[in-house]
Amino acid sequence: AAQIYEKVKEKEKMSNDKKTLNEIKDIGKRMEDSISEYFYRAGLDDPTVNFDWEYILIDNKKIKNAWCMPGGKIAVYTGILEVTKNTNGLASVMGHEIAHAVARHSLERASQSIAINIGTTILDIALEGALSSSSADDYLVNLGLSLPFNRLQESEADYLGLAFMTMANYDNTESFKIWQRMQEAQKSTPPEFLSTHPSPKNRIQKIKNWIPEINARFS
């Protein structure tokens, strides 16, 4: 991840907006502290203890995105700032993306990919090659395994991100307002069962339902 991150920094245009970059770094530092506190309270080892946190702001207004690689390598695209609107909104997005790295979702997906490949190979042998000759095999694997698994990861990242931003003293009501704005920014949304993400409507409702519990536990 560190090597890929360096390549991203070389390839992409970095933003000159130092104010926003400093804001991102400040949010990140507060998140780092809240994550450590989260696992301390839970009596668990902090999975980020060896993270080498780093933050970049990529100058690309067409991309409404942010991500966090394993090890705490974070990128925010300037396009997402049109949706985040404010510091609390940005903290919500960053909390969600950081949660993916904290929960080691990339490792889970790699392990799942290996398991799927082994499973489909065994099935293919049993069917005497019928599966490999079918154009529907990838579709069925994605529909039945990959997509629901990824949606579960997204929900987990939503919950953890909500906890992290709350413990960092950000306004967690922005967490569902972000998705309301994201929904408005999208021309169309695929049905949830064909998407790696929960539908915005379901996601918004889940987050709203979680907020009282999160506030009670982590405020």
C-alpha atoms as a PDB file:
ATOM      1  CA  ALA A   1       0.000   0.000   0.000  1.00  0.00           C
ATOM      2  CA  ALA A   2       2.837   2.394   0.843  1.00  0.00           C
ATOM      3  CA  GLN A   3       4.443   1.799  -2.560  1.00  0.00           C
ATOM      4  CA  ILE A   4       1.173   2.301  -4.418  1.00  0.00           C
ATOM      5  CA  TYR A   5       0.508   5.448  -2.391  1.00  0.00           C
ATOM      6  CA  GLU A   6       3.832   6.903  -3.530  1.00  0.00           C
ATOM      7  CA  LYS A   7       2.924   6.153  -7.140  1.00  0.00           C
ATOM      8  CA  VAL A   8      -0.413   7.901  -6.658  1.00  0.00           C
ATOM      9  CA  LYS A   9       1.390  10.979  -5.354  1.00  0.00           C
ATOM     10  CA  GLU A  10       3.634  10.976  -8.413  1.00  0.00           C
ATOM     11  CA  LYS A  11       0.845  10.442 -10.921  1.00  0.00           C
ATOM     12  CA  GLU A  12      -1.927  12.648  -9.538  1.00  0.00           C
ATOM     13  CA  LYS A  13      -1.918  16.421  -9.257  1.00  0.00           C
ATOM     14  CA  MET A  14      -1.680  17.515  -5.641  1.00  0.00           C
ATOM     15  CA  SER A  15      -3.859  20.425  -4.566  1.00  0.00           C
ATOM     16  CA  ASN A  16      -2.284  23.714  -3.507  1.00  0.00           C
ATOM     17  CA  ASP A  17      -5.133  24.315  -1.056  1.00  0.00           C
ATOM     18  CA  LYS A  18      -3.054  24.177   2.120  1.00  0.00           C
ATOM     19  CA  LYS A  19      -5.957  25.295   4.312  1.00  0.00           C
ATOM     20  CA  THR A  20      -8.088  22.303   3.333  1.00  0.00           C
ATOM     21  CA  LEU A  21      -5.141  19.919   3.531  1.00  0.00           C
ATOM     22  CA  ASN A  22      -4.397  21.139   7.053  1.00  0.00           C
ATOM     23  CA  GLU A  23      -8.064  20.642   7.914  1.00  0.00           C
ATOM     24  CA  ILE A  24      -7.840  17.070   6.599  1.00  0.00           C
ATOM     25  CA  LYS A  25      -4.727  16.446   8.677  1.00  0.00           C
ATOM     26  CA  ASP A  26      -6.394  17.888  11.780  1.00  0.00           C
ATOM     27  CA  ILE A  27      -9.447  15.679  11.301  1.00  0.00           C
ATOM     28  CA  GLY A  28      -7.135  12.726  10.752  1.00  0.00           C
ATOM     29  CA  LYS A  29      -5.192  13.343  13.945  1.00  0.00           C
ATOM     30  CA  ARG A  30      -8.370  13.564  15.981  1.00  0.00           C
ATOM     31  CA  MET A  31      -9.583  10.353  14.340  1.00  0.00           C
ATOM     32  CA  GLU A  32      -6.280   8.635  15.160  1.00  0.00           C
ATOM     33  CA  ASP A  33      -6.783   9.487  18.834  1.00  0.00           C
ATOM     34  CA  SER A  34     -10.437   8.433  18.849  1.00  0.00           C
ATOM     35  CA  ILE A  35      -9.588   5.066  17.247  1.00  0.00           C
ATOM     36  CA  SER A  36      -6.999   4.352  19.947  1.00  0.00           C
ATOM     37  CA  GLU A  37      -9.546   5.311  22.614  1.00  0.00           C
ATOM     38  CA  TYR A  38     -12.213   3.109  20.968  1.00  0.00           C
ATOM     39  CA  PHE A  39     -10.061  -0.018  21.209  1.00  0.00           C
ATOM     40  CA  TYR A  40      -8.785   0.900  24.676  1.00  0.00           C
ATOM     41  CA  ARG A  41     -12.359   1.064  25.955  1.00  0.00           C
ATOM     42  CA  ALA A  42     -13.144  -2.243  24.278  1.00  0.00           C
ATOM     43  CA  GLY A  43     -10.109  -3.878  25.904  1.00  0.00           C
ATOM     44  CA  LEU A  44      -8.712  -4.802  22.488  1.00  0.00           C
ATOM     45  CA  ASP A  45      -5.365  -4.280  20.804  1.00  0.00           C
ATOM     46  CA  ASP A  46      -5.291  -1.179  18.625  1.00  0.00           C
ATOM     47  CA  PRO A  47      -4.932  -2.404  15.007  1.00  0.00           C
ATOM     48  CA  THR A  48      -3.552   0.999  13.986  1.00  0.00           C
ATOM     49  CA  VAL A  49      -0.601   0.982  16.384  1.00  0.00           C
ATOM     50  CA  ASN A  50       1.836   0.437  13.503  1.00  0.00           C
ATOM     51  CA  PHE A  51       0.033   2.660  10.998  1.00  0.00           C
ATOM     52  CA  ASP A  52       2.169   5.320   9.322  1.00  0.00           C
ATOM     53  CA  TRP A  53      -0.592   7.878   8.839  1.00  0.00           C
ATOM     54  CA  GLU A  54      -0.368  10.183   5.838  1.00  0.00           C
ATOM     55  CA  TYR A  55      -2.815  12.548   4.147  1.00  0.00           C
ATOM     56  CA  ILE A  56      -2.986  14.026   0.650  1.00  0.00           C
ATOM     57  CA  LEU A  57      -5.474  16.231  -1.193  1.00  0.00           C
ATOM     58  CA  ILE A  58      -5.749  15.411  -4.898  1.00  0.00           C
ATOM     59  CA  ASP A  59      -6.760  18.223  -7.247  1.00  0.00           C
ATOM     60  CA  ASN A  60      -9.545  16.553  -9.234  1.00  0.00           C
ATOM     61  CA  LYS A  61     -13.002  18.093  -9.059  1.00  0.00           C
ATOM     62  CA  LYS A  62     -14.520  15.422 -11.297  1.00  0.00           C
ATOM     63  CA  ILE A  63     -13.940  12.663  -8.745  1.00  0.00           C
ATOM     64  CA  LYS A  64     -16.177  12.704  -5.690  1.00  0.00           C
ATOM     65  CA  ASN A  65     -14.235  10.270  -3.604  1.00  0.00           C
ATOM     66  CA  ALA A  66     -11.838   9.621  -0.736  1.00  0.00           C
ATOM     67  CA  TRP A  67     -10.064   6.470   0.366  1.00  0.00           C
ATOM     68  CA  CYS A  68      -7.769   5.015   2.987  1.00  0.00           C
ATOM     69  CA  MET A  69      -5.262   2.295   2.137  1.00  0.00           C
ATOM     70  CA  PRO A  70      -3.998  -0.234   4.680  1.00  0.00           C
ATOM     71  CA  GLY A  71      -1.499   1.410   6.991  1.00  0.00           C
ATOM     72  CA  GLY A  72      -3.323   4.739   7.120  1.00  0.00           C
ATOM     73  CA  LYS A  73      -2.515   6.126   3.668  1.00  0.00           C
ATOM     74  CA  ILE A  74      -5.371   8.552   2.996  1.00  0.00           C
ATOM     75  CA  ALA A  75      -6.395  10.527  -0.079  1.00  0.00           C
ATOM     76  CA  VAL A  76      -9.200  13.046  -0.497  1.00  0.00           C
ATOM     77  CA  TYR A  77     -10.220  14.324  -3.929  1.00  0.00           C
ATOM     78  CA  THR A  78     -11.290  17.958  -4.226  1.00  0.00           C
ATOM     79  CA  GLY A  79     -14.497  16.825  -5.945  1.00  0.00           C
ATOM     80  CA  ILE A  80     -15.835  15.310  -2.719  1.00  0.00           C
ATOM     81  CA  LEU A  81     -15.621  18.717  -1.035  1.00  0.00           C
ATOM     82  CA  GLU A  82     -18.670  19.792  -3.037  1.00  0.00           C
ATOM     83  CA  VAL A  83     -20.598  17.098  -1.164  1.00  0.00           C
ATOM     84  CA  THR A  84     -18.999  17.277   2.291  1.00  0.00           C
ATOM     85  CA  LYS A  85     -19.687  21.035   2.444  1.00  0.00           C
ATOM     86  CA  ASN A  86     -18.186  21.492   5.923  1.00  0.00           C
ATOM     87  CA  THR A  87     -15.711  20.117   8.462  1.00  0.00           C
ATOM     88  CA  ASN A  88     -18.223  17.714  10.008  1.00  0.00           C
ATOM     89  CA  GLY A  89     -19.149  16.369   6.587  1.00  0.00           C
ATOM     90  CA  LEU A  90     -15.498  15.838   5.735  1.00  0.00           C
ATOM     91  CA  ALA A  91     -14.967  14.096   9.081  1.00  0.00           C
ATOM     92  CA  SER A  92     -17.869  11.779   8.288  1.00  0.00           C
ATOM     93  CA  VAL A  93     -16.398  10.729   4.935  1.00  0.00           C
ATOM     94  CA  MET A  94     -12.904  10.322   6.370  1.00  0.00           C
ATOM     95  CA  GLY A  95     -14.208   8.350   9.330  1.00  0.00           C
ATOM     96  CA  HIS A  96     -15.939   5.914   6.987  1.00  0.00           C
ATOM     97  CA  GLU A  97     -12.882   5.439   4.770  1.00  0.00           C
ATOM     98  CA  ILE A  98     -10.518   5.101   7.733  1.00  0.00           C
ATOM     99  CA  ALA A  99     -12.862   2.496   9.218  1.00  0.00           C
ATOM    100  CA  HIS A 100     -12.310   0.292   6.153  1.00  0.00           C
ATOM    101  CA  ALA A 101      -8.575   0.228   6.905  1.00  0.00           C
ATOM    102  CA  VAL A 102      -9.096  -0.243  10.642  1.00  0.00           C
ATOM    103  CA  ALA A 103     -11.407  -3.213  10.006  1.00  0.00           C
ATOM    104  CA  ARG A 104      -8.889  -4.626   7.513  1.00  0.00           C
ATOM    105  CA  HIS A 105     -11.493  -4.953   4.797  1.00  0.00           C
ATOM    106  CA  SER A 106      -8.889  -5.121   2.047  1.00  0.00           C
ATOM    107  CA  LEU A 107      -7.473  -8.278   3.643  1.00  0.00           C
ATOM    108  CA  GLU A 108     -10.950  -9.750   3.949  1.00  0.00           C
ATOM    109  CA  ARG A 109     -11.609  -9.072   0.277  1.00  0.00           C
ATOM    110  CA  ALA A 110      -8.302 -10.630  -0.739  1.00  0.00           C
ATOM    111  CA  SER A 111      -9.064 -13.738   1.323  1.00  0.00           C
ATOM    112  CA  GLN A 112     -12.579 -13.872  -0.071  1.00  0.00           C
ATOM    113  CA  SER A 113     -11.274 -13.609  -3.622  1.00  0.00           C
ATOM    114  CA  ILE A 114      -8.979 -16.594  -3.060  1.00  0.00           C
ATOM    115  CA  ALA A 115     -11.832 -18.584  -1.515  1.00  0.00           C
ATOM    116  CA  ILE A 116     -14.146 -17.772  -4.422  1.00  0.00           C
ATOM    117  CA  ASN A 117     -11.534 -18.816  -6.968  1.00  0.00           C
ATOM    118  CA  ILE A 118     -10.929 -22.121  -5.185  1.00  0.00           C
ATOM    119  CA  GLY A 119     -14.654 -22.722  -4.783  1.00  0.00           C
ATOM    120  CA  THR A 120     -15.494 -22.033  -8.414  1.00  0.00           C
ATOM    121  CA  THR A 121     -12.589 -24.218  -9.554  1.00  0.00           C
ATOM    122  CA  ILE A 122     -13.924 -27.157  -7.520  1.00  0.00           C
ATOM    123  CA  LEU A 123     -17.428 -26.545  -8.867  1.00  0.00           C
ATOM    124  CA  ASP A 124     -16.070 -26.308 -12.391  1.00  0.00           C
ATOM    125  CA  ILE A 125     -14.377 -29.697 -12.010  1.00  0.00           C
ATOM    126  CA  ALA A 126     -17.624 -31.212 -10.730  1.00  0.00           C
ATOM    127  CA  LEU A 127     -19.515 -29.759 -13.691  1.00  0.00           C
ATOM    128  CA  GLU A 128     -16.831 -30.923 -16.120  1.00  0.00           C
ATOM    129  CA  GLY A 129     -15.988 -27.440 -17.305  1.00  0.00           C
ATOM    130  CA  ALA A 130     -19.535 -26.178 -17.756  1.00  0.00           C
ATOM    131  CA  LEU A 131     -19.016 -23.259 -15.372  1.00  0.00           C
ATOM    132  CA  SER A 132     -15.900 -21.908 -17.101  1.00  0.00           C
ATOM    133  CA  SER A 133     -17.669 -22.032 -20.455  1.00  0.00           C
ATOM    134  CA  SER A 134     -20.595 -20.000 -19.180  1.00  0.00           C
ATOM    135  CA  SER A 135     -20.649 -16.220 -19.522  1.00  0.00           C
ATOM    136  CA  ALA A 136     -22.836 -16.031 -16.420  1.00  0.00           C
ATOM    137  CA  ASP A 137     -20.315 -17.447 -13.934  1.00  0.00           C
ATOM    138  CA  ASP A 138     -18.783 -14.117 -12.896  1.00  0.00           C
ATOM    139  CA  TYR A 139     -22.215 -12.537 -12.657  1.00  0.00           C
ATOM    140  CA  LEU A 140     -23.490 -15.297 -10.379  1.00  0.00           C
ATOM    141  CA  VAL A 141     -20.395 -15.182  -8.169  1.00  0.00           C
ATOM    142  CA  ASN A 142     -20.665 -11.405  -7.795  1.00  0.00           C
ATOM    143  CA  LEU A 143     -24.400 -11.448  -7.205  1.00  0.00           C
ATOM    144  CA  GLY A 144     -24.293 -14.273  -4.695  1.00  0.00           C
ATOM    145  CA  LEU A 145     -21.051 -13.625  -2.860  1.00  0.00           C
ATOM    146  CA  SER A 146     -18.970 -10.547  -3.597  1.00  0.00           C
ATOM    147  CA  LEU A 147     -21.638  -7.858  -3.593  1.00  0.00           C
ATOM    148  CA  PRO A 148     -23.427  -8.836  -0.365  1.00  0.00           C
ATOM    149  CA  PHE A 149     -20.032  -9.243   1.313  1.00  0.00           C
ATOM    150  CA  ASN A 150     -18.972  -5.756   0.225  1.00  0.00           C
ATOM    151  CA  ARG A 151     -22.267  -4.255   1.363  1.00  0.00           C
ATOM    152  CA  LEU A 152     -21.671  -5.775   4.799  1.00  0.00           C
ATOM    153  CA  GLN A 153     -18.253  -4.121   4.871  1.00  0.00           C
ATOM    154  CA  GLU A 154     -19.800  -0.796   3.908  1.00  0.00           C
ATOM    155  CA  SER A 155     -22.297  -1.005   6.764  1.00  0.00           C
ATOM    156  CA  GLU A 156     -19.535  -1.920   9.190  1.00  0.00           C
ATOM    157  CA  ALA A 157     -17.482   1.056   8.004  1.00  0.00           C
ATOM    158  CA  ASP A 158     -20.527   3.310   8.398  1.00  0.00           C
ATOM    159  CA  TYR A 159     -20.960   2.214  12.024  1.00  0.00           C
ATOM    160  CA  LEU A 160     -17.290   2.386  12.985  1.00  0.00           C
ATOM    161  CA  GLY A 161     -16.812   5.689  11.170  1.00  0.00           C
ATOM    162  CA  LEU A 162     -19.802   7.076  13.052  1.00  0.00           C
ATOM    163  CA  ALA A 163     -18.249   5.974  16.350  1.00  0.00           C
ATOM    164  CA  PHE A 164     -14.831   7.404  15.485  1.00  0.00           C
ATOM    165  CA  MET A 165     -16.156  10.815  14.429  1.00  0.00           C
ATOM    166  CA  THR A 166     -18.415  10.999  17.505  1.00  0.00           C
ATOM    167  CA  MET A 167     -15.505  10.260  19.837  1.00  0.00           C
ATOM    168  CA  ALA A 168     -13.503  12.912  17.981  1.00  0.00           C
ATOM    169  CA  ASN A 169     -16.271  15.423  18.856  1.00  0.00           C
ATOM    170  CA  TYR A 170     -17.649  16.010  15.370  1.00  0.00           C
ATOM    171  CA  ASP A 171     -21.347  16.444  14.623  1.00  0.00           C
ATOM    172  CA  ASN A 172     -22.431  12.957  13.604  1.00  0.00           C
ATOM    173  CA  THR A 173     -25.729  14.128  12.076  1.00  0.00           C
ATOM    174  CA  GLU A 174     -23.657  15.069   9.036  1.00  0.00           C
ATOM    175  CA  SER A 175     -23.081  11.345   8.472  1.00  0.00           C
ATOM    176  CA  PHE A 176     -26.545  10.856   6.986  1.00  0.00           C
ATOM    177  CA  LYS A 177     -26.781  14.335   5.487  1.00  0.00           C
ATOM    178  CA  ILE A 178     -23.706  13.426   3.397  1.00  0.00           C
ATOM    179  CA  TRP A 179     -25.611  10.559   1.809  1.00  0.00           C
ATOM    180  CA  GLN A 180     -28.615  12.774   1.209  1.00  0.00           C
ATOM    181  CA  ARG A 181     -26.368  15.165  -0.687  1.00  0.00           C
ATOM    182  CA  MET A 182     -24.606  12.311  -2.447  1.00  0.00           C
ATOM    183  CA  GLN A 183     -27.974  10.966  -3.554  1.00  0.00           C
ATOM    184  CA  GLU A 184     -28.859  14.353  -5.013  1.00  0.00           C
ATOM    185  CA  ALA A 185     -25.508  14.477  -6.818  1.00  0.00           C
ATOM    186  CA  GLN A 186     -26.065  11.108  -8.485  1.00  0.00           C
ATOM    187  CA  LYS A 187     -28.109  11.008 -11.672  1.00  0.00           C
ATOM    188  CA  SER A 188     -29.155   7.428 -11.006  1.00  0.00           C
ATOM    189  CA  THR A 189     -28.610   4.804  -8.336  1.00  0.00           C
ATOM    190  CA  PRO A 190     -28.462   1.074  -9.122  1.00  0.00           C
ATOM    191  CA  PRO A 191     -30.712  -1.273  -7.136  1.00  0.00           C
ATOM    192  CA  GLU A 192     -29.095  -2.241  -3.846  1.00  0.00           C
ATOM    193  CA  PHE A 193     -28.811  -5.933  -4.717  1.00  0.00           C
ATOM    194  CA  LEU A 194     -26.657  -5.034  -7.755  1.00  0.00           C
ATOM    195  CA  SER A 195     -24.446  -2.598  -5.877  1.00  0.00           C
ATOM    196  CA  THR A 196     -21.427  -2.997  -3.617  1.00  0.00           C
ATOM    197  CA  HIS A 197     -22.887  -0.210  -1.482  1.00  0.00           C
ATOM    198  CA  PRO A 198     -26.183  -0.145   0.401  1.00  0.00           C
ATOM    199  CA  SER A 199     -28.787   1.997  -1.312  1.00  0.00           C
ATOM    200  CA  PRO A 200     -28.629   5.627  -0.087  1.00  0.00           C
ATOM    201  CA  LYS A 201     -32.168   5.342   1.317  1.00  0.00           C
ATOM    202  CA  ASN A 202     -31.360   2.269   3.414  1.00  0.00           C
ATOM    203  CA  ARG A 203     -27.976   3.646   4.393  1.00  0.00           C
ATOM    204  CA  ILE A 204     -29.455   6.944   5.601  1.00  0.00           C
ATOM    205  CA  GLN A 205     -32.068   5.138   7.692  1.00  0.00           C
ATOM    206  CA  LYS A 206     -29.514   2.804   9.273  1.00  0.00           C
ATOM    207  CA  ILE A 207     -27.269   5.696  10.226  1.00  0.00           C
ATOM    208  CA  LYS A 208     -30.188   7.623  11.727  1.00  0.00           C
ATOM    209  CA  ASN A 209     -31.110   4.550  13.763  1.00  0.00           C
ATOM    210  CA  TRP A 210     -27.525   4.133  15.000  1.00  0.00           C
ATOM    211  CA  ILE A 211     -26.960   7.716  16.128  1.00  0.00           C
ATOM    212  CA  PRO A 212     -28.810   7.516  19.519  1.00  0.00           C
ATOM    213  CA  GLU A 213     -26.895   4.335  20.419  1.00  0.00           C
ATOM    214  CA  ILE A 214     -23.585   5.829  19.239  1.00  0.00           C
ATOM    215  CA  ASN A 215     -24.200   9.000  21.253  1.00  0.00           C
ATOM    216  CA  ALA A 216     -25.009   6.974  24.358  1.00  0.00           C
ATOM    217  CA  ARG A 217     -21.886   4.832  24.034  1.00  0.00           C
ATOM    218  CA  PHE A 218     -19.270   7.206  22.670  1.00  0.00           C
ATOM    219  CA  SER A 219     -20.187  10.853  23.324  1.00  0.00           C
END
